[in-house]
């Protein structure tokens, strides 16, 4: 194995590996520290040179949007109130329509019952009128027949008397020439 002597100390193979590892770790750590310090300084420089962006336009736009949203909120509140009023009006109207429909159906039912009653009364009156007309017609027909029969019998009697007078006149011996 290899040996190295540094400052009167002898180092053999296993120790060399440990020392080499220790030196490389120490070197890597120093390099990382220097890189960190360099990044820190670069960041410090950027932070010191940082200027805040001009957000005045953004603030103005935000103010306009807030104003617009306030106006829209007021309008929406107004619309909500109006919708609530309209809903109440619709509910009242619906209730009134239901009430009117109920009254209308009740009225229609009453008219229907009255109509049926009047229809029955009208049919009864028509039957009675037909019966009365038949009775009157039969009575008039009977009287007319009786009068015609009376006239017929009187005419027959009259004809017989006239025939007799005519025969007597035609048979009159004084008129024969």
Protein backbone atom coordinates (compact mmCIF):
# COMPACT_ATOMS: atom_id res chain seq x y z
CA UNK A 1 0.00 0.00 0.00
CA UNK A 2 0.98 3.50 -0.56
CA UNK A 3 2.20 5.72 2.15
CA UNK A 4 2.40 9.47 2.23
CA UNK A 5 4.35 11.49 4.70
CA UNK A 6 3.27 15.03 5.39
CA UNK A 7 4.91 17.02 8.17
CA UNK A 8 6.35 13.96 9.77
CA UNK A 9 3.10 12.10 9.85
CA UNK A 10 2.73 9.00 7.78
CA UNK A 11 -0.53 8.27 6.16
CA UNK A 12 -1.43 4.83 4.88
CA UNK A 13 -4.12 3.76 2.26
CA UNK A 14 -7.28 3.85 4.46
CA UNK A 15 -6.39 7.16 6.08
CA UNK A 16 -5.65 8.68 2.69
CA UNK A 17 -9.13 7.90 1.51
CA UNK A 18 -10.62 9.47 4.64
CA UNK A 19 -8.42 12.58 4.28
CA UNK A 20 -9.24 12.85 0.56
CA UNK A 21 -12.95 12.59 1.37
CA UNK A 22 -12.59 15.17 4.14
CA UNK A 23 -10.69 17.59 1.89
CA UNK A 24 -13.19 17.17 -0.99
CA UNK A 25 -16.14 17.67 1.38
CA UNK A 26 -14.48 20.77 2.84
CA UNK A 27 -13.77 22.06 -0.71
CA UNK A 28 -17.39 21.38 -1.82
CA UNK A 29 -18.67 23.11 1.30
CA UNK A 30 -16.45 26.18 0.67
CA UNK A 31 -17.55 26.27 -2.98
CA UNK A 32 -21.24 26.08 -1.94
CA UNK A 33 -20.64 28.85 0.61
CA UNK A 34 -19.04 31.09 -2.01
CA UNK A 35 -21.90 30.42 -4.46
CA UNK A 36 -24.44 31.16 -1.73
CA UNK A 37 -22.62 34.40 -0.85
CA UNK A 38 -22.49 35.39 -4.55
CA UNK A 39 -26.28 34.70 -4.95
CA UNK A 40 -26.92 36.64 -1.74
CA UNK A 41 -24.98 39.64 -3.03
CA UNK A 42 -26.74 39.49 -6.41
CA UNK A 43 -30.11 39.35 -4.65
CA UNK A 44 -29.14 42.21 -2.34
CA UNK A 45 -28.19 44.32 -5.33
CA UNK A 46 -31.52 43.54 -7.02
CA UNK A 47 -33.46 44.29 -3.84
CA UNK A 48 -31.67 47.60 -3.36
CA UNK A 49 -32.30 48.57 -6.97
CA UNK A 50 -35.96 47.46 -6.84
CA UNK A 51 -38.52 50.14 -7.60
CA UNK A 52 -42.19 49.43 -7.03
CA UNK A 53 -44.21 49.35 -10.24
CA UNK A 54 -46.63 52.18 -10.91
CA UNK A 55 -49.99 50.75 -9.87
CA UNK A 56 -51.87 54.04 -10.12
CA UNK A 57 -53.66 52.90 -13.33
CA UNK A 58 -54.54 49.65 -11.64
CA UNK A 59 -55.80 51.57 -8.59
CA UNK A 60 -57.85 53.85 -10.87
CA UNK A 61 -59.35 50.87 -12.68
CA UNK A 62 -60.02 49.20 -9.35
CA UNK A 63 -61.74 52.37 -8.08
CA UNK A 64 -63.91 52.52 -11.22
CA UNK A 65 -64.77 48.84 -10.83
CA UNK A 66 -65.65 49.37 -7.17
CA UNK A 67 -67.85 52.32 -8.12
CA UNK A 68 -69.50 50.28 -10.88
CA UNK A 69 -69.99 47.33 -8.53
CA UNK A 70 -71.53 49.68 -5.96
CA UNK A 71 -73.96 50.98 -8.58
CA UNK A 72 -74.73 47.44 -9.73
CA UNK A 73 -75.27 46.36 -6.14
CA UNK A 74 -77.75 49.21 -5.65
CA UNK A 75 -79.52 48.29 -8.88
CA UNK A 76 -79.63 44.62 -7.90
CA UNK A 77 -81.05 45.56 -4.50
CA UNK A 78 -83.67 47.65 -6.28
CA UNK A 79 -84.43 44.77 -8.65
CA UNK A 80 -84.66 42.34 -5.71
CA UNK A 81 -87.10 44.66 -3.94
CA UNK A 82 -89.16 45.05 -7.11
CA UNK A 83 -89.13 41.29 -7.70
CA UNK A 84 -90.33 40.81 -4.12
CA UNK A 85 -93.15 43.29 -4.73
CA UNK A 86 -94.07 41.60 -8.02
CA UNK A 87 -94.03 38.19 -6.32
CA UNK A 88 -96.41 39.50 -3.67
CA UNK A 89 -98.66 40.99 -6.36
CA UNK A 90 -98.61 37.67 -8.25
CA UNK A 91 -99.46 35.76 -5.06
CA UNK A 92 -102.33 38.16 -4.31
CA UNK A 93 -103.55 37.99 -7.90
CA UNK A 94 -103.34 34.18 -7.91
CA UNK A 95 -105.34 34.08 -4.65
CA UNK A 96 -107.90 36.51 -6.10
CA UNK A 97 -108.18 34.42 -9.28
CA UNK A 98 -108.67 31.26 -7.23
CA UNK A 99 -111.32 33.00 -5.14
CA UNK A 100 -113.04 34.36 -8.25
CA UNK A 101 -112.85 30.93 -9.93
CA UNK A 102 -114.43 29.33 -6.86
CA UNK A 103 -117.21 31.92 -6.90
CA UNK A 104 -117.63 31.48 -10.64
CA UNK A 105 -117.90 27.69 -10.31
CA UNK A 106 -120.41 28.13 -7.50
CA UNK A 107 -122.39 30.55 -9.69
CA UNK A 108 -122.24 28.18 -12.65
CA UNK A 109 -123.44 25.33 -10.44
CA UNK A 110 -126.31 27.49 -9.17
CA UNK A 111 -127.24 28.50 -12.72
CA UNK A 112 -127.02 24.87 -13.82
CA UNK A 113 -129.33 23.76 -10.99
CA UNK A 114 -131.73 26.64 -11.76
CA UNK A 115 -131.57 25.76 -15.47
CA UNK A 116 -132.42 22.13 -14.76
CA UNK A 117 -135.31 23.22 -12.51
CA UNK A 118 -136.59 25.66 -15.14
CA UNK A 119 -136.18 23.00 -17.84
CA UNK A 120 -138.29 20.57 -15.82
CA UNK A 121 -140.88 23.29 -15.13
CA UNK A 122 -140.90 24.29 -18.82
CA UNK A 123 -141.39 20.69 -19.95
CA UNK A 124 -144.19 20.26 -17.45
CA UNK A 125 -145.78 23.53 -18.61
CA UNK A 126 -145.44 22.47 -22.27
CA UNK A 127 -147.05 19.09 -21.54
CA UNK A 128 -149.88 20.85 -19.70
CA UNK A 129 -150.26 23.38 -22.55
CA UNK A 130 -150.34 20.56 -25.12
CA UNK A 131 -152.97 18.79 -23.05
CA UNK A 132 -155.02 22.01 -22.76
CA UNK A 133 -154.69 22.67 -26.49
CA UNK A 134 -155.75 19.10 -27.26
CA UNK A 135 -158.71 19.48 -24.90
CA UNK A 136 -159.66 22.84 -26.42
CA UNK A 137 -159.19 21.49 -29.94
CA UNK A 138 -161.23 18.41 -29.14
CA UNK A 139 -163.93 20.56 -27.52
CA UNK A 140 -163.94 23.01 -30.45
CA UNK A 141 -163.96 20.12 -32.90
CA UNK A 142 -166.87 18.53 -31.04
CA UNK A 143 -168.80 21.81 -31.00
CA UNK A 144 -167.96 22.45 -34.65
CA UNK A 145 -169.04 18.93 -35.55
CA UNK A 146 -172.21 19.41 -33.52
CA UNK A 147 -172.94 22.71 -35.26
CA UNK A 148 -172.18 21.25 -38.67
CA UNK A 149 -174.39 18.29 -37.86
CA UNK A 150 -177.08 20.72 -36.67
CA UNK A 151 -176.70 22.77 -39.83
CA UNK A 152 -176.70 19.61 -41.94
CA UNK A 153 -179.87 18.43 -40.30
CA UNK A 154 -181.47 21.86 -40.73
CA UNK A 155 -180.37 21.94 -44.37
CA UNK A 156 -181.74 18.46 -44.86
CA UNK A 157 -185.03 19.54 -43.29
CA UNK A 158 -184.99 22.72 -45.39
CA UNK A 159 -184.25 20.74 -48.54
CA UNK A 160 -187.04 18.32 -47.79
CA UNK A 161 -189.48 21.19 -47.27
CA UNK A 162 -188.27 22.90 -50.43
CA UNK A 163 -188.46 19.67 -52.37
CA UNK A 164 -191.98 19.15 -51.09
CA UNK A 165 -192.98 22.71 -51.98
CA UNK A 166 -191.39 22.33 -55.39
CA UNK A 167 -193.15 19.03 -55.97
CA UNK A 168 -196.41 20.46 -54.74
CA UNK A 169 -195.95 23.41 -57.04
CA UNK A 170 -195.05 21.24 -59.98
CA UNK A 171 -197.88 18.87 -59.23
CA UNK A 172 -200.38 21.66 -58.89
CA UNK A 173 -203.27 20.84 -61.21
CA UNK A 174 -204.03 24.44 -61.77
CA UNK A 175 -200.79 25.05 -63.45
CA UNK A 176 -201.24 22.38 -66.01
CA UNK A 177 -202.14 23.80 -69.28
